[in-house]
Amino acid sequence: MTSIYDFSVNDIQGKPSSLSEYKDKVLLIVNTASACGFTPQYEGLEQLYKKHGPEKFVVLGFPCNQFGSQESGSESEISTFCELNFGVTFPLFEKIEVNGANAHPLYEYLKSEAKGLLGSQGIKWNFTKFLVNSEGKVLTRYASTTKPEDIEKDIEKLL
């Protein structure tokens, strides 16, 4: 696979979805969790989505339970939590793994295209973010500590 658009994922309701649906849009792909110190970033992600999306920009949230078991709920519970607590309207997907033998192929691709600190590939924690341009090229990886509002200028340059 050579393009982000070649990947298929299941949305939070379990419905298959192709990332080709997001062709010609800038994407911010994030592994999320509901019980993490970074969980309040949902609010900033939603603000970015409301301000710049959905015509040209989309946040894609991928719940993951690999870091401190901080996303132990079902997809239904995750969806409800995000909507009620942070008003999330950007697309959420089924819970996935981002590291290890069962890592989702999308995340294997993201990690190979935008390496982390000192060239590492593994995702270090929840709310690691990948910025993808409107041609589907993975440009940058941001650490969990990078707040959504700190990425806004990079997003605006691509729009």
C-alpha atoms as a PDB file:
ATOM      1  CA  MET A   1       0.000   0.000   0.000  1.00  0.00           C
ATOM      2  CA  THR A   2       1.407   3.327  -0.974  1.00  0.00           C
ATOM      3  CA  SER A   3      -1.317   5.769  -0.051  1.00  0.00           C
ATOM      4  CA  ILE A   4      -3.366   6.584   3.011  1.00  0.00           C
ATOM      5  CA  TYR A   5      -6.413   6.202   0.767  1.00  0.00           C
ATOM      6  CA  ASP A   6      -5.727   2.477   0.289  1.00  0.00           C
ATOM      7  CA  PHE A   7      -6.729   1.662   3.870  1.00  0.00           C
ATOM      8  CA  SER A   8     -10.093   0.543   5.169  1.00  0.00           C
ATOM      9  CA  VAL A   9     -11.235   0.911   8.754  1.00  0.00           C
ATOM     10  CA  ASN A  10     -14.445   0.284  10.653  1.00  0.00           C
ATOM     11  CA  ASP A  11     -16.274   3.282  12.050  1.00  0.00           C
ATOM     12  CA  ILE A  12     -17.355   3.389  15.699  1.00  0.00           C
ATOM     13  CA  GLN A  13     -20.579   1.553  14.763  1.00  0.00           C
ATOM     14  CA  GLY A  14     -18.579  -1.225  13.055  1.00  0.00           C
ATOM     15  CA  LYS A  15     -19.420  -0.143   9.502  1.00  0.00           C
ATOM     16  CA  PRO A  16     -16.545  -0.570   6.992  1.00  0.00           C
ATOM     17  CA  SER A  17     -15.179   2.721   5.731  1.00  0.00           C
ATOM     18  CA  SER A  18     -12.464   3.518   3.201  1.00  0.00           C
ATOM     19  CA  LEU A  19     -10.097   6.364   3.882  1.00  0.00           C
ATOM     20  CA  SER A  20     -10.539   7.250   0.210  1.00  0.00           C
ATOM     21  CA  GLU A  21     -13.714   9.010   1.437  1.00  0.00           C
ATOM     22  CA  TYR A  22     -11.361  11.705   2.754  1.00  0.00           C
ATOM     23  CA  LYS A  23      -9.470  12.273  -0.487  1.00  0.00           C
ATOM     24  CA  ASP A  24      -8.584  15.942  -1.092  1.00  0.00           C
ATOM     25  CA  LYS A  25      -8.906  16.769   2.623  1.00  0.00           C
ATOM     26  CA  VAL A  26      -6.269  17.533   5.216  1.00  0.00           C
ATOM     27  CA  LEU A  27      -6.425  14.868   7.947  1.00  0.00           C
ATOM     28  CA  LEU A  28      -5.372  14.804  11.577  1.00  0.00           C
ATOM     29  CA  ILE A  29      -5.310  11.166  12.691  1.00  0.00           C
ATOM     30  CA  VAL A  30      -5.229  10.605  16.452  1.00  0.00           C
ATOM     31  CA  ASN A  31      -5.173   7.548  18.732  1.00  0.00           C
ATOM     32  CA  THR A  32      -7.500   8.439  21.596  1.00  0.00           C
ATOM     33  CA  ALA A  33      -8.525   7.265  25.056  1.00  0.00           C
ATOM     34  CA  SER A  34     -11.309   8.239  27.445  1.00  0.00           C
ATOM     35  CA  ALA A  35      -9.445   7.944  30.760  1.00  0.00           C
ATOM     36  CA  CYS A  36      -6.126   9.594  29.970  1.00  0.00           C
ATOM     37  CA  GLY A  37      -4.515  12.771  31.227  1.00  0.00           C
ATOM     38  CA  PHE A  38      -4.657  13.963  27.605  1.00  0.00           C
ATOM     39  CA  THR A  39      -8.379  13.175  27.175  1.00  0.00           C
ATOM     40  CA  PRO A  40      -9.289  16.896  27.443  1.00  0.00           C
ATOM     41  CA  GLN A  41      -7.586  17.268  24.048  1.00  0.00           C
ATOM     42  CA  TYR A  42     -10.862  15.982  22.587  1.00  0.00           C
ATOM     43  CA  GLU A  43     -12.155  19.519  23.126  1.00  0.00           C
ATOM     44  CA  GLY A  44      -9.324  21.095  21.130  1.00  0.00           C
ATOM     45  CA  LEU A  45      -9.637  18.494  18.380  1.00  0.00           C
ATOM     46  CA  GLU A  46     -13.346  19.228  18.091  1.00  0.00           C
ATOM     47  CA  GLN A  47     -12.663  22.979  17.936  1.00  0.00           C
ATOM     48  CA  LEU A  48     -10.217  22.446  15.058  1.00  0.00           C
ATOM     49  CA  TYR A  49     -12.775  20.280  13.265  1.00  0.00           C
ATOM     50  CA  LYS A  50     -15.590  22.797  13.729  1.00  0.00           C
ATOM     51  CA  LYS A  51     -13.409  25.688  12.603  1.00  0.00           C
ATOM     52  CA  HIS A  52     -11.768  24.088   9.536  1.00  0.00           C
ATOM     53  CA  GLY A  53     -13.900  21.064   8.627  1.00  0.00           C
ATOM     54  CA  PRO A  54     -15.494  19.068   7.332  1.00  0.00           C
ATOM     55  CA  GLU A  55     -15.162  20.247   3.718  1.00  0.00           C
ATOM     56  CA  LYS A  56     -11.367  20.553   3.666  1.00  0.00           C
ATOM     57  CA  PHE A  57     -10.223  19.199   7.048  1.00  0.00           C
ATOM     58  CA  VAL A  58     -11.168  16.166   9.130  1.00  0.00           C
ATOM     59  CA  VAL A  59     -10.023  14.792  12.473  1.00  0.00           C
ATOM     60  CA  LEU A  60     -10.105  10.983  12.593  1.00  0.00           C
ATOM     61  CA  GLY A  61     -10.159   9.474  16.088  1.00  0.00           C
ATOM     62  CA  PHE A  62      -8.998   5.917  16.733  1.00  0.00           C
ATOM     63  CA  PRO A  63      -9.641   4.709  20.300  1.00  0.00           C
ATOM     64  CA  CYS A  64      -6.848   2.525  21.643  1.00  0.00           C
ATOM     65  CA  ASN A  65      -6.563   0.592  24.921  1.00  0.00           C
ATOM     66  CA  GLN A  66      -2.830  -0.179  24.707  1.00  0.00           C
ATOM     67  CA  PHE A  67      -1.615   2.512  27.092  1.00  0.00           C
ATOM     68  CA  GLY A  68      -2.514   1.981  30.723  1.00  0.00           C
ATOM     69  CA  SER A  69      -5.878   0.386  29.776  1.00  0.00           C
ATOM     70  CA  GLN A  70      -7.248   3.911  29.442  1.00  0.00           C
ATOM     71  CA  GLU A  71      -9.840   2.985  26.797  1.00  0.00           C
ATOM     72  CA  SER A  72     -11.522  -0.075  28.263  1.00  0.00           C
ATOM     73  CA  GLY A  73     -15.093   0.755  27.234  1.00  0.00           C
ATOM     74  CA  SER A  74     -17.095  -0.601  24.328  1.00  0.00           C
ATOM     75  CA  GLU A  75     -17.427   1.368  21.100  1.00  0.00           C
ATOM     76  CA  SER A  76     -20.893   2.467  22.185  1.00  0.00           C
ATOM     77  CA  GLU A  77     -19.561   3.678  25.542  1.00  0.00           C
ATOM     78  CA  ILE A  78     -16.678   5.495  23.846  1.00  0.00           C
ATOM     79  CA  SER A  79     -18.998   7.232  21.398  1.00  0.00           C
ATOM     80  CA  THR A  80     -21.384   8.314  24.139  1.00  0.00           C
ATOM     81  CA  PHE A  81     -18.527   9.522  26.363  1.00  0.00           C
ATOM     82  CA  CYS A  82     -17.017  11.634  23.572  1.00  0.00           C
ATOM     83  CA  GLU A  83     -20.333  13.144  22.559  1.00  0.00           C
ATOM     84  CA  LEU A  84     -21.577  13.917  26.071  1.00  0.00           C
ATOM     85  CA  ASN A  85     -18.324  15.178  27.572  1.00  0.00           C
ATOM     86  CA  PHE A  86     -16.682  16.932  24.629  1.00  0.00           C
ATOM     87  CA  GLY A  87     -19.384  17.351  21.968  1.00  0.00           C
ATOM     88  CA  VAL A  88     -17.308  15.307  19.513  1.00  0.00           C
ATOM     89  CA  THR A  89     -18.746  15.336  16.002  1.00  0.00           C
ATOM     90  CA  PHE A  90     -15.614  14.322  14.059  1.00  0.00           C
ATOM     91  CA  PRO A  91     -15.436  10.696  12.876  1.00  0.00           C
ATOM     92  CA  LEU A  92     -14.532   8.051  15.428  1.00  0.00           C
ATOM     93  CA  PHE A  93     -13.568   4.505  14.572  1.00  0.00           C
ATOM     94  CA  GLU A  94     -13.478   1.100  16.215  1.00  0.00           C
ATOM     95  CA  LYS A  95     -10.936   0.521  18.929  1.00  0.00           C
ATOM     96  CA  ILE A  96      -7.625  -0.595  17.426  1.00  0.00           C
ATOM     97  CA  GLU A  97      -4.081  -1.431  18.425  1.00  0.00           C
ATOM     98  CA  VAL A  98      -1.358   0.935  17.255  1.00  0.00           C
ATOM     99  CA  ASN A  99       1.734  -1.049  18.310  1.00  0.00           C
ATOM    100  CA  GLY A 100       2.775  -4.688  18.312  1.00  0.00           C
ATOM    101  CA  ALA A 101       1.832  -7.745  16.305  1.00  0.00           C
ATOM    102  CA  ASN A 102      -1.854  -6.756  16.135  1.00  0.00           C
ATOM    103  CA  ALA A 103      -1.291  -3.122  15.157  1.00  0.00           C
ATOM    104  CA  HIS A 104      -3.765  -1.930  12.551  1.00  0.00           C
ATOM    105  CA  PRO A 105      -2.161  -1.686   9.077  1.00  0.00           C
ATOM    106  CA  LEU A 106      -3.090   2.013   8.937  1.00  0.00           C
ATOM    107  CA  TYR A 107      -0.934   2.672  11.991  1.00  0.00           C
ATOM    108  CA  GLU A 108       1.916   0.578  10.640  1.00  0.00           C
ATOM    109  CA  TYR A 109       1.838   2.842   7.587  1.00  0.00           C
ATOM    110  CA  LEU A 110       1.581   6.076   9.595  1.00  0.00           C
ATOM    111  CA  LYS A 111       4.501   5.078  11.824  1.00  0.00           C
ATOM    112  CA  SER A 112       6.697   4.192   8.854  1.00  0.00           C
ATOM    113  CA  GLU A 113       5.909   7.477   7.070  1.00  0.00           C
ATOM    114  CA  ALA A 114       6.425   9.803  10.058  1.00  0.00           C
ATOM    115  CA  LYS A 115       8.829   8.434  12.607  1.00  0.00           C
ATOM    116  CA  GLY A 116       8.947   9.601  16.184  1.00  0.00           C
ATOM    117  CA  LEU A 117      11.738  10.974  18.341  1.00  0.00           C
ATOM    118  CA  LEU A 118      15.182   9.731  17.274  1.00  0.00           C
ATOM    119  CA  GLY A 119      13.625   7.787  14.405  1.00  0.00           C
ATOM    120  CA  SER A 120      11.542   5.506  16.600  1.00  0.00           C
ATOM    121  CA  GLN A 121       8.411   4.010  15.083  1.00  0.00           C
ATOM    122  CA  GLY A 122       6.373   2.935  18.110  1.00  0.00           C
ATOM    123  CA  ILE A 123       3.555   5.107  19.372  1.00  0.00           C
ATOM    124  CA  LYS A 124       4.523   6.288  22.851  1.00  0.00           C
ATOM    125  CA  TRP A 125       1.092   7.125  24.307  1.00  0.00           C
ATOM    126  CA  ASN A 126      -2.501   8.150  23.663  1.00  0.00           C
ATOM    127  CA  PHE A 127      -3.200  11.264  21.577  1.00  0.00           C
ATOM    128  CA  THR A 128      -0.226  10.904  19.243  1.00  0.00           C
ATOM    129  CA  LYS A 129      -1.253  12.838  16.133  1.00  0.00           C
ATOM    130  CA  PHE A 130      -0.408  12.468  12.434  1.00  0.00           C
ATOM    131  CA  LEU A 131      -0.967  15.304   9.958  1.00  0.00           C
ATOM    132  CA  VAL A 132      -1.766  14.207   6.394  1.00  0.00           C
ATOM    133  CA  ASN A 133      -1.984  16.648   3.480  1.00  0.00           C
ATOM    134  CA  SER A 134      -4.811  16.731   0.933  1.00  0.00           C
ATOM    135  CA  GLU A 135      -2.806  14.497  -1.435  1.00  0.00           C
ATOM    136  CA  GLY A 136      -2.652  11.773   1.231  1.00  0.00           C
ATOM    137  CA  LYS A 137       0.991  12.274   2.215  1.00  0.00           C
ATOM    138  CA  VAL A 138       1.791  11.785   5.890  1.00  0.00           C
ATOM    139  CA  LEU A 139       3.728  14.922   6.826  1.00  0.00           C
ATOM    140  CA  THR A 140       4.306  15.074  10.555  1.00  0.00           C
ATOM    141  CA  ARG A 141       3.896  13.162  13.796  1.00  0.00           C
ATOM    142  CA  TYR A 142       3.075  15.128  16.944  1.00  0.00           C
ATOM    143  CA  ALA A 143       3.617  13.869  20.477  1.00  0.00           C
ATOM    144  CA  SER A 144       0.792  13.374  22.949  1.00  0.00           C
ATOM    145  CA  THR A 145       1.901  16.514  24.738  1.00  0.00           C
ATOM    146  CA  THR A 146       1.330  18.652  21.624  1.00  0.00           C
ATOM    147  CA  LYS A 147      -2.004  20.385  22.082  1.00  0.00           C
ATOM    148  CA  PRO A 148      -4.401  20.552  19.127  1.00  0.00           C
ATOM    149  CA  GLU A 149      -4.302  24.356  19.124  1.00  0.00           C
ATOM    150  CA  ASP A 150      -0.515  24.174  18.673  1.00  0.00           C
ATOM    151  CA  ILE A 151      -1.043  22.294  15.383  1.00  0.00           C
ATOM    152  CA  GLU A 152      -3.540  24.778  13.949  1.00  0.00           C
ATOM    153  CA  LYS A 153      -0.957  26.891  12.084  1.00  0.00           C
ATOM    154  CA  ASP A 154       0.385  23.772  10.355  1.00  0.00           C
ATOM    155  CA  ILE A 155      -3.166  22.806   9.348  1.00  0.00           C
ATOM    156  CA  GLU A 156      -3.941  26.292   8.065  1.00  0.00           C
ATOM    157  CA  LYS A 157      -0.841  26.246   5.815  1.00  0.00           C
ATOM    158  CA  LEU A 158      -2.262  23.137   4.103  1.00  0.00           C
ATOM    159  CA  LEU A 159      -5.797  24.435   3.586  1.00  0.00           C
END
